[in-house]
Amino acid sequence: MKKVTVKLIDPMGFHARPIAIAVNKLREYDCEGYVLHDGREQSMDSVVKLVEMEVPAGSTFMFGAEGKDEDEALMAIVDELKDIGFIE
């Protein structure tokens, strides 16, 4: 599994719109995705389950991916979320 650490800069914290963007972006690639925060790991198969992680603004967390396209998927997710000001 590949992982990348990011910082959540959106003042609303972990919320549905950017998480849905990440989940939909992941579906374009041949791999599984995960979010890891504060000792918890959640599959990126459900926007609701990810929002329930309640990652607060200012926190660092990791996106993880495993599979054939893991590198490309992580880069695409991070780039898209940086572009909308969700993470840095």
PDB file of N, CA and C in Angstrom:
ATOM      1  N   MET A   1       0.853  -1.173   0.000  1.00  0.00           N
ATOM      2  CA  MET A   1       0.000   0.000   0.000  1.00  0.00           C
ATOM      3  C   MET A   1       0.900   1.238   0.000  1.00  0.00           C
ATOM      4  N   LYS A   2       0.581   2.178  -0.858  1.00  0.00           N
ATOM      5  CA  LYS A   2       1.247   3.479  -0.889  1.00  0.00           C
ATOM      6  C   LYS A   2       0.424   4.439  -0.046  1.00  0.00           C
ATOM      7  N   LYS A   3       1.114   5.376   0.620  1.00  0.00           N
ATOM      8  CA  LYS A   3       0.419   6.358   1.457  1.00  0.00           C
ATOM      9  C   LYS A   3       1.000   7.734   1.203  1.00  0.00           C
ATOM     10  N   VAL A   4       0.165   8.744   1.400  1.00  0.00           N
ATOM     11  CA  VAL A   4       0.617  10.126   1.330  1.00  0.00           C
ATOM     12  C   VAL A   4      -0.043  10.887   2.481  1.00  0.00           C
ATOM     13  N   THR A   5       0.767  11.658   3.196  1.00  0.00           N
ATOM     14  CA  THR A   5       0.268  12.449   4.319  1.00  0.00           C
ATOM     15  C   THR A   5      -0.073  13.848   3.839  1.00  0.00           C
ATOM     16  N   VAL A   6      -1.235  14.329   4.248  1.00  0.00           N
ATOM     17  CA  VAL A   6      -1.703  15.657   3.858  1.00  0.00           C
ATOM     18  C   VAL A   6      -2.255  16.375   5.089  1.00  0.00           C
ATOM     19  N   LYS A   7      -2.404  17.685   4.962  1.00  0.00           N
ATOM     20  CA  LYS A   7      -2.990  18.483   6.039  1.00  0.00           C
ATOM     21  C   LYS A   7      -4.336  19.017   5.570  1.00  0.00           C
ATOM     22  N   LEU A   8      -5.347  18.845   6.397  1.00  0.00           N
ATOM     23  CA  LEU A   8      -6.696  19.318   6.105  1.00  0.00           C
ATOM     24  C   LEU A   8      -6.776  20.811   6.427  1.00  0.00           C
ATOM     25  N   ILE A   9      -6.965  21.645   5.405  1.00  0.00           N
ATOM     26  CA  ILE A   9      -6.998  23.094   5.629  1.00  0.00           C
ATOM     27  C   ILE A   9      -8.389  23.695   5.466  1.00  0.00           C
ATOM     28  N   ASP A  10      -9.341  22.922   5.007  1.00  0.00           N
ATOM     29  CA  ASP A  10     -10.710  23.419   4.883  1.00  0.00           C
ATOM     30  C   ASP A  10     -11.259  23.681   6.286  1.00  0.00           C
ATOM     31  N   PRO A  11     -11.736  24.905   6.563  1.00  0.00           N
ATOM     32  CA  PRO A  11     -12.218  25.211   7.915  1.00  0.00           C
ATOM     33  C   PRO A  11     -13.426  24.381   8.345  1.00  0.00           C
ATOM     34  N   MET A  12     -14.133  23.761   7.403  1.00  0.00           N
ATOM     35  CA  MET A  12     -15.281  22.920   7.746  1.00  0.00           C
ATOM     36  C   MET A  12     -14.865  21.509   8.157  1.00  0.00           C
ATOM     37  N   GLY A  13     -13.573  21.198   8.051  1.00  0.00           N
ATOM     38  CA  GLY A  13     -13.121  19.851   8.374  1.00  0.00           C
ATOM     39  C   GLY A  13     -13.500  18.870   7.272  1.00  0.00           C
ATOM     40  N   PHE A  14     -13.559  17.607   7.645  1.00  0.00           N
ATOM     41  CA  PHE A  14     -13.881  16.522   6.710  1.00  0.00           C
ATOM     42  C   PHE A  14     -15.367  16.601   6.393  1.00  0.00           C
ATOM     43  N   HIS A  15     -15.742  16.974   5.189  1.00  0.00           N
ATOM     44  CA  HIS A  15     -17.163  17.050   4.863  1.00  0.00           C
ATOM     45  C   HIS A  15     -17.433  16.428   3.500  1.00  0.00           C
ATOM     46  N   ALA A  16     -18.691  16.243   3.187  1.00  0.00           N
ATOM     47  CA  ALA A  16     -19.121  15.376   2.091  1.00  0.00           C
ATOM     48  C   ALA A  16     -18.648  15.800   0.700  1.00  0.00           C
ATOM     49  N   ARG A  17     -18.698  17.077   0.368  1.00  0.00           N
ATOM     50  CA  ARG A  17     -18.380  17.476  -1.002  1.00  0.00           C
ATOM     51  C   ARG A  17     -16.967  17.075  -1.430  1.00  0.00           C
ATOM     52  N   PRO A  18     -15.919  17.478  -0.694  1.00  0.00           N
ATOM     53  CA  PRO A  18     -14.586  17.076  -1.136  1.00  0.00           C
ATOM     54  C   PRO A  18     -14.322  15.581  -0.986  1.00  0.00           C
ATOM     55  N   ILE A  19     -14.937  14.961  -0.005  1.00  0.00           N
ATOM     56  CA  ILE A  19     -14.770  13.514   0.144  1.00  0.00           C
ATOM     57  C   ILE A  19     -15.394  12.793  -1.043  1.00  0.00           C
ATOM     58  N   ALA A  20     -16.544  13.255  -1.505  1.00  0.00           N
ATOM     59  CA  ALA A  20     -17.175  12.657  -2.691  1.00  0.00           C
ATOM     60  C   ALA A  20     -16.282  12.828  -3.912  1.00  0.00           C
ATOM     61  N   ILE A  21     -15.625  13.969  -4.032  1.00  0.00           N
ATOM     62  CA  ILE A  21     -14.691  14.182  -5.139  1.00  0.00           C
ATOM     63  C   ILE A  21     -13.578  13.134  -5.091  1.00  0.00           C
ATOM     64  N   ALA A  22     -13.013  12.911  -3.907  1.00  0.00           N
ATOM     65  CA  ALA A  22     -11.935  11.929  -3.753  1.00  0.00           C
ATOM     66  C   ALA A  22     -12.414  10.516  -4.065  1.00  0.00           C
ATOM     67  N   VAL A  23     -13.585  10.150  -3.556  1.00  0.00           N
ATOM     68  CA  VAL A  23     -14.132   8.806  -3.796  1.00  0.00           C
ATOM     69  C   VAL A  23     -14.388   8.600  -5.294  1.00  0.00           C
ATOM     70  N   ASN A  24     -14.970   9.583  -5.947  1.00  0.00           N
ATOM     71  CA  ASN A  24     -15.245   9.461  -7.379  1.00  0.00           C
ATOM     72  C   ASN A  24     -13.965   9.420  -8.196  1.00  0.00           C
ATOM     73  N   LYS A  25     -12.961  10.184  -7.810  1.00  0.00           N
ATOM     74  CA  LYS A  25     -11.672  10.157  -8.505  1.00  0.00           C
ATOM     75  C   LYS A  25     -11.040   8.775  -8.378  1.00  0.00           C
ATOM     76  N   LEU A  26     -11.097   8.183  -7.192  1.00  0.00           N
ATOM     77  CA  LEU A  26     -10.527   6.858  -6.966  1.00  0.00           C
ATOM     78  C   LEU A  26     -11.156   5.818  -7.890  1.00  0.00           C
ATOM     79  N   ARG A  27     -12.436   5.956  -8.149  1.00  0.00           N
ATOM     80  CA  ARG A  27     -13.145   4.978  -8.993  1.00  0.00           C
ATOM     81  C   ARG A  27     -12.623   4.944 -10.423  1.00  0.00           C
ATOM     82  N   GLU A  28     -11.851   5.945 -10.819  1.00  0.00           N
ATOM     83  CA  GLU A  28     -11.270   5.979 -12.160  1.00  0.00           C
ATOM     84  C   GLU A  28     -10.036   5.080 -12.275  1.00  0.00           C
ATOM     85  N   TYR A  29      -9.580   4.521 -11.162  1.00  0.00           N
ATOM     86  CA  TYR A  29      -8.334   3.763 -11.130  1.00  0.00           C
ATOM     87  C   TYR A  29      -8.553   2.346 -10.613  1.00  0.00           C
ATOM     88  N   ASP A  30      -7.627   1.467 -10.968  1.00  0.00           N
ATOM     89  CA  ASP A  30      -7.686   0.068 -10.570  1.00  0.00           C
ATOM     90  C   ASP A  30      -6.937  -0.117  -9.251  1.00  0.00           C
ATOM     91  N   CYS A  31      -7.596   0.285  -8.161  1.00  0.00           N
ATOM     92  CA  CYS A  31      -7.013   0.108  -6.830  1.00  0.00           C
ATOM     93  C   CYS A  31      -8.076   0.373  -5.770  1.00  0.00           C
ATOM     94  N   GLU A  32      -7.738   0.021  -4.555  1.00  0.00           N
ATOM     95  CA  GLU A  32      -8.572   0.301  -3.393  1.00  0.00           C
ATOM     96  C   GLU A  32      -7.978   1.498  -2.671  1.00  0.00           C
ATOM     97  N   GLY A  33      -8.816   2.303  -2.049  1.00  0.00           N
ATOM     98  CA  GLY A  33      -8.324   3.474  -1.337  1.00  0.00           C
ATOM     99  C   GLY A  33      -8.749   3.475   0.116  1.00  0.00           C
ATOM    100  N   TYR A  34      -7.971   4.160   0.939  1.00  0.00           N
ATOM    101  CA  TYR A  34      -8.199   4.225   2.379  1.00  0.00           C
ATOM    102  C   TYR A  34      -7.874   5.619   2.882  1.00  0.00           C
ATOM    103  N   VAL A  35      -8.497   5.994   3.995  1.00  0.00           N
ATOM    104  CA  VAL A  35      -8.112   7.186   4.741  1.00  0.00           C
ATOM    105  C   VAL A  35      -7.681   6.695   6.113  1.00  0.00           C
ATOM    106  N   LEU A  36      -6.547   7.202   6.569  1.00  0.00           N
ATOM    107  CA  LEU A  36      -6.008   6.820   7.870  1.00  0.00           C
ATOM    108  C   LEU A  36      -5.848   8.080   8.711  1.00  0.00           C
ATOM    109  N   HIS A  37      -6.444   8.053   9.907  1.00  0.00           N
ATOM    110  CA  HIS A  37      -6.343   9.201  10.810  1.00  0.00           C
ATOM    111  C   HIS A  37      -6.493   8.741  12.248  1.00  0.00           C
ATOM    112  N   ASP A  38      -5.592   9.203  13.086  1.00  0.00           N
ATOM    113  CA  ASP A  38      -5.684   8.982  14.527  1.00  0.00           C
ATOM    114  C   ASP A  38      -5.879   7.506  14.886  1.00  0.00           C
ATOM    115  N   GLY A  39      -5.111   6.646  14.226  1.00  0.00           N
ATOM    116  CA  GLY A  39      -5.176   5.219  14.510  1.00  0.00           C
ATOM    117  C   GLY A  39      -6.339   4.488  13.871  1.00  0.00           C
ATOM    118  N   ARG A  40      -7.139   5.190  13.090  1.00  0.00           N
ATOM    119  CA  ARG A  40      -8.292   4.561  12.429  1.00  0.00           C
ATOM    120  C   ARG A  40      -8.055   4.493  10.924  1.00  0.00           C
ATOM    121  N   GLU A  41      -8.573   3.451  10.308  1.00  0.00           N
ATOM    122  CA  GLU A  41      -8.490   3.285   8.865  1.00  0.00           C
ATOM    123  C   GLU A  41      -9.888   3.044   8.317  1.00  0.00           C
ATOM    124  N   GLN A  42     -10.236   3.773   7.260  1.00  0.00           N
ATOM    125  CA  GLN A  42     -11.553   3.622   6.649  1.00  0.00           C
ATOM    126  C   GLN A  42     -11.403   3.484   5.142  1.00  0.00           C
ATOM    127  N   SER A  43     -12.057   2.491   4.592  1.00  0.00           N
ATOM    128  CA  SER A  43     -12.071   2.311   3.146  1.00  0.00           C
ATOM    129  C   SER A  43     -12.767   3.497   2.487  1.00  0.00           C
ATOM    130  N   MET A  44     -12.318   3.837   1.287  1.00  0.00           N
ATOM    131  CA  MET A  44     -12.920   4.937   0.540  1.00  0.00           C
ATOM    132  C   MET A  44     -14.091   4.457  -0.318  1.00  0.00           C
ATOM    133  N   ASP A  45     -14.825   3.482   0.159  1.00  0.00           N
ATOM    134  CA  ASP A  45     -15.980   2.993  -0.593  1.00  0.00           C
ATOM    135  C   ASP A  45     -17.279   3.671  -0.180  1.00  0.00           C
ATOM    136  N   SER A  46     -17.236   4.517   0.873  1.00  0.00           N
ATOM    137  CA  SER A  46     -18.445   5.163   1.358  1.00  0.00           C
ATOM    138  C   SER A  46     -18.147   6.581   1.829  1.00  0.00           C
ATOM    139  N   VAL A  47     -18.784   7.562   1.201  1.00  0.00           N
ATOM    140  CA  VAL A  47     -18.631   8.949   1.619  1.00  0.00           C
ATOM    141  C   VAL A  47     -19.108   9.110   3.059  1.00  0.00           C
ATOM    142  N   VAL A  48     -20.219   8.498   3.397  1.00  0.00           N
ATOM    143  CA  VAL A  48     -20.789   8.629   4.738  1.00  0.00           C
ATOM    144  C   VAL A  48     -19.813   8.123   5.800  1.00  0.00           C
ATOM    145  N   LYS A  49     -19.228   6.957   5.585  1.00  0.00           N
ATOM    146  CA  LYS A  49     -18.288   6.408   6.566  1.00  0.00           C
ATOM    147  C   LYS A  49     -17.057   7.299   6.715  1.00  0.00           C
ATOM    148  N   LEU A  50     -16.617   7.903   5.621  1.00  0.00           N
ATOM    149  CA  LEU A  50     -15.466   8.799   5.703  1.00  0.00           C
ATOM    150  C   LEU A  50     -15.803  10.075   6.465  1.00  0.00           C
ATOM    151  N   VAL A  51     -16.964  10.649   6.200  1.00  0.00           N
ATOM    152  CA  VAL A  51     -17.379  11.851   6.927  1.00  0.00           C
ATOM    153  C   VAL A  51     -17.502  11.546   8.417  1.00  0.00           C
ATOM    154  N   GLU A  52     -17.979  10.357   8.755  1.00  0.00           N
ATOM    155  CA  GLU A  52     -18.126   9.957  10.156  1.00  0.00           C
ATOM    156  C   GLU A  52     -16.790   9.867  10.896  1.00  0.00           C
ATOM    157  N   MET A  53     -15.671   9.880  10.170  1.00  0.00           N
ATOM    158  CA  MET A  53     -14.360   9.888  10.831  1.00  0.00           C
ATOM    159  C   MET A  53     -14.129  11.211  11.564  1.00  0.00           C
ATOM    160  N   GLU A  54     -14.855  12.259  11.166  1.00  0.00           N
ATOM    161  CA  GLU A  54     -14.803  13.573  11.823  1.00  0.00           C
ATOM    162  C   GLU A  54     -13.376  14.094  11.977  1.00  0.00           C
ATOM    163  N   VAL A  55     -12.635  14.121  10.876  1.00  0.00           N
ATOM    164  CA  VAL A  55     -11.284  14.679  10.890  1.00  0.00           C
ATOM    165  C   VAL A  55     -11.416  16.201  10.955  1.00  0.00           C
ATOM    166  N   PRO A  56     -10.888  16.835  12.008  1.00  0.00           N
ATOM    167  CA  PRO A  56     -11.056  18.285  12.156  1.00  0.00           C
ATOM    168  C   PRO A  56     -10.078  19.080  11.290  1.00  0.00           C
ATOM    169  N   ALA A  57     -10.457  20.307  10.991  1.00  0.00           N
ATOM    170  CA  ALA A  57      -9.588  21.229  10.254  1.00  0.00           C
ATOM    171  C   ALA A  57      -8.258  21.362  10.989  1.00  0.00           C
ATOM    172  N   GLY A  58      -7.182  21.442  10.230  1.00  0.00           N
ATOM    173  CA  GLY A  58      -5.854  21.570  10.800  1.00  0.00           C
ATOM    174  C   GLY A  58      -5.159  20.248  11.084  1.00  0.00           C
ATOM    175  N   SER A  59      -5.884  19.149  10.953  1.00  0.00           N
ATOM    176  CA  SER A  59      -5.323  17.823  11.221  1.00  0.00           C
ATOM    177  C   SER A  59      -4.524  17.313  10.030  1.00  0.00           C
ATOM    178  N   THR A  60      -3.581  16.439  10.318  1.00  0.00           N
ATOM    179  CA  THR A  60      -2.932  15.692   9.255  1.00  0.00           C
ATOM    180  C   THR A  60      -3.555  14.301   9.218  1.00  0.00           C
ATOM    181  N   PHE A  61      -3.636  13.764   8.022  1.00  0.00           N
ATOM    182  CA  PHE A  61      -4.152  12.408   7.832  1.00  0.00           C
ATOM    183  C   PHE A  61      -3.494  11.833   6.593  1.00  0.00           C
ATOM    184  N   MET A  62      -3.749  10.570   6.317  1.00  0.00           N
ATOM    185  CA  MET A  62      -3.156   9.925   5.154  1.00  0.00           C
ATOM    186  C   MET A  62      -4.218   9.372   4.224  1.00  0.00           C
ATOM    187  N   PHE A  63      -3.938   9.509   2.944  1.00  0.00           N
ATOM    188  CA  PHE A  63      -4.650   8.744   1.935  1.00  0.00           C
ATOM    189  C   PHE A  63      -3.755   7.562   1.614  1.00  0.00           C
ATOM    190  N   GLY A  64      -4.348   6.385   1.500  1.00  0.00           N
ATOM    191  CA  GLY A  64      -3.609   5.194   1.101  1.00  0.00           C
ATOM    192  C   GLY A  64      -4.287   4.547  -0.083  1.00  0.00           C
ATOM    193  N   ALA A  65      -3.508   3.879  -0.901  1.00  0.00           N
ATOM    194  CA  ALA A  65      -4.064   3.149  -2.040  1.00  0.00           C
ATOM    195  C   ALA A  65      -3.261   1.883  -2.246  1.00  0.00           C
ATOM    196  N   GLU A  66      -3.954   0.850  -2.697  1.00  0.00           N
ATOM    197  CA  GLU A  66      -3.305  -0.428  -2.954  1.00  0.00           C
ATOM    198  C   GLU A  66      -3.889  -1.019  -4.222  1.00  0.00           C
ATOM    199  N   GLY A  67      -3.014  -1.350  -5.138  1.00  0.00           N
ATOM    200  CA  GLY A  67      -3.455  -1.951  -6.387  1.00  0.00           C
ATOM    201  C   GLY A  67      -2.628  -1.461  -7.559  1.00  0.00           C
ATOM    202  N   LYS A  68      -3.016  -1.902  -8.736  1.00  0.00           N
ATOM    203  CA  LYS A  68      -2.274  -1.634  -9.966  1.00  0.00           C
ATOM    204  C   LYS A  68      -1.993  -0.145 -10.185  1.00  0.00           C
ATOM    205  N   ASP A  69      -2.973   0.708  -9.945  1.00  0.00           N
ATOM    206  CA  ASP A  69      -2.844   2.138 -10.226  1.00  0.00           C
ATOM    207  C   ASP A  69      -2.651   2.992  -8.971  1.00  0.00           C
ATOM    208  N   GLU A  70      -2.117   2.412  -7.907  1.00  0.00           N
ATOM    209  CA  GLU A  70      -2.069   3.126  -6.625  1.00  0.00           C
ATOM    210  C   GLU A  70      -1.334   4.463  -6.703  1.00  0.00           C
ATOM    211  N   ASP A  71      -0.205   4.517  -7.377  1.00  0.00           N
ATOM    212  CA  ASP A  71       0.551   5.773  -7.456  1.00  0.00           C
ATOM    213  C   ASP A  71      -0.235   6.862  -8.177  1.00  0.00           C
ATOM    214  N   GLU A  72      -0.785   6.502  -9.326  1.00  0.00           N
ATOM    215  CA  GLU A  72      -1.540   7.468 -10.124  1.00  0.00           C
ATOM    216  C   GLU A  72      -2.797   7.933  -9.399  1.00  0.00           C
ATOM    217  N   ALA A  73      -3.469   7.017  -8.724  1.00  0.00           N
ATOM    218  CA  ALA A  73      -4.690   7.365  -7.995  1.00  0.00           C
ATOM    219  C   ALA A  73      -4.405   8.351  -6.878  1.00  0.00           C
ATOM    220  N   LEU A  74      -3.373   8.080  -6.092  1.00  0.00           N
ATOM    221  CA  LEU A  74      -3.040   8.985  -4.997  1.00  0.00           C
ATOM    222  C   LEU A  74      -2.673  10.367  -5.517  1.00  0.00           C
ATOM    223  N   MET A  75      -1.879  10.421  -6.568  1.00  0.00           N
ATOM    224  CA  MET A  75      -1.480  11.703  -7.126  1.00  0.00           C
ATOM    225  C   MET A  75      -2.703  12.474  -7.632  1.00  0.00           C
ATOM    226  N   ALA A  76      -3.621  11.796  -8.292  1.00  0.00           N
ATOM    227  CA  ALA A  76      -4.818  12.451  -8.826  1.00  0.00           C
ATOM    228  C   ALA A  76      -5.723  12.967  -7.711  1.00  0.00           C
ATOM    229  N   ILE A  77      -5.909  12.177  -6.676  1.00  0.00           N
ATOM    230  CA  ILE A  77      -6.753  12.590  -5.546  1.00  0.00           C
ATOM    231  C   ILE A  77      -6.142  13.804  -4.845  1.00  0.00           C
ATOM    232  N   VAL A  78      -4.875  13.731  -4.531  1.00  0.00           N
ATOM    233  CA  VAL A  78      -4.213  14.829  -3.829  1.00  0.00           C
ATOM    234  C   VAL A  78      -4.224  16.095  -4.678  1.00  0.00           C
ATOM    235  N   ASP A  79      -3.909  15.984  -5.950  1.00  0.00           N
ATOM    236  CA  ASP A  79      -3.911  17.163  -6.829  1.00  0.00           C
ATOM    237  C   ASP A  79      -5.282  17.814  -6.888  1.00  0.00           C
ATOM    238  N   GLU A  80      -6.317  17.011  -7.041  1.00  0.00           N
ATOM    239  CA  GLU A  80      -7.671  17.552  -7.140  1.00  0.00           C
ATOM    240  C   GLU A  80      -8.089  18.241  -5.837  1.00  0.00           C
ATOM    241  N   LEU A  81      -7.795  17.628  -4.691  1.00  0.00           N
ATOM    242  CA  LEU A  81      -8.173  18.214  -3.418  1.00  0.00           C
ATOM    243  C   LEU A  81      -7.351  19.444  -3.061  1.00  0.00           C
ATOM    244  N   LYS A  82      -6.099  19.503  -3.519  1.00  0.00           N
ATOM    245  CA  LYS A  82      -5.298  20.713  -3.339  1.00  0.00           C
ATOM    246  C   LYS A  82      -5.884  21.851  -4.184  1.00  0.00           C
ATOM    247  N   ASP A  83      -6.300  21.521  -5.393  1.00  0.00           N
ATOM    248  CA  ASP A  83      -6.851  22.540  -6.304  1.00  0.00           C
ATOM    249  C   ASP A  83      -8.093  23.222  -5.737  1.00  0.00           C
ATOM    250  N   ILE A  84      -8.884  22.519  -4.946  1.00  0.00           N
ATOM    251  CA  ILE A  84     -10.090  23.122  -4.386  1.00  0.00           C
ATOM    252  C   ILE A  84      -9.878  23.677  -2.977  1.00  0.00           C
ATOM    253  N   GLY A  85      -8.646  23.630  -2.490  1.00  0.00           N
ATOM    254  CA  GLY A  85      -8.335  24.202  -1.184  1.00  0.00           C
ATOM    255  C   GLY A  85      -8.750  23.369   0.003  1.00  0.00           C
ATOM    256  N   PHE A  86      -8.870  22.068  -0.182  1.00  0.00           N
ATOM    257  CA  PHE A  86      -9.263  21.165   0.908  1.00  0.00           C
ATOM    258  C   PHE A  86      -8.067  20.714   1.736  1.00  0.00           C
ATOM    259  N   ILE A  87      -6.952  20.460   1.053  1.00  0.00           N
ATOM    260  CA  ILE A  87      -5.738  19.977   1.717  1.00  0.00           C
ATOM    261  C   ILE A  87      -4.529  20.746   1.217  1.00  0.00           C
ATOM    262  N   GLU A  88      -3.437  20.562   1.959  1.00  0.00           N
ATOM    263  CA  GLU A  88      -2.125  21.039   1.477  1.00  0.00           C
ATOM    264  C   GLU A  88      -1.097  19.982   1.803  1.00  0.00           C
TER     265      GLU A  88
END
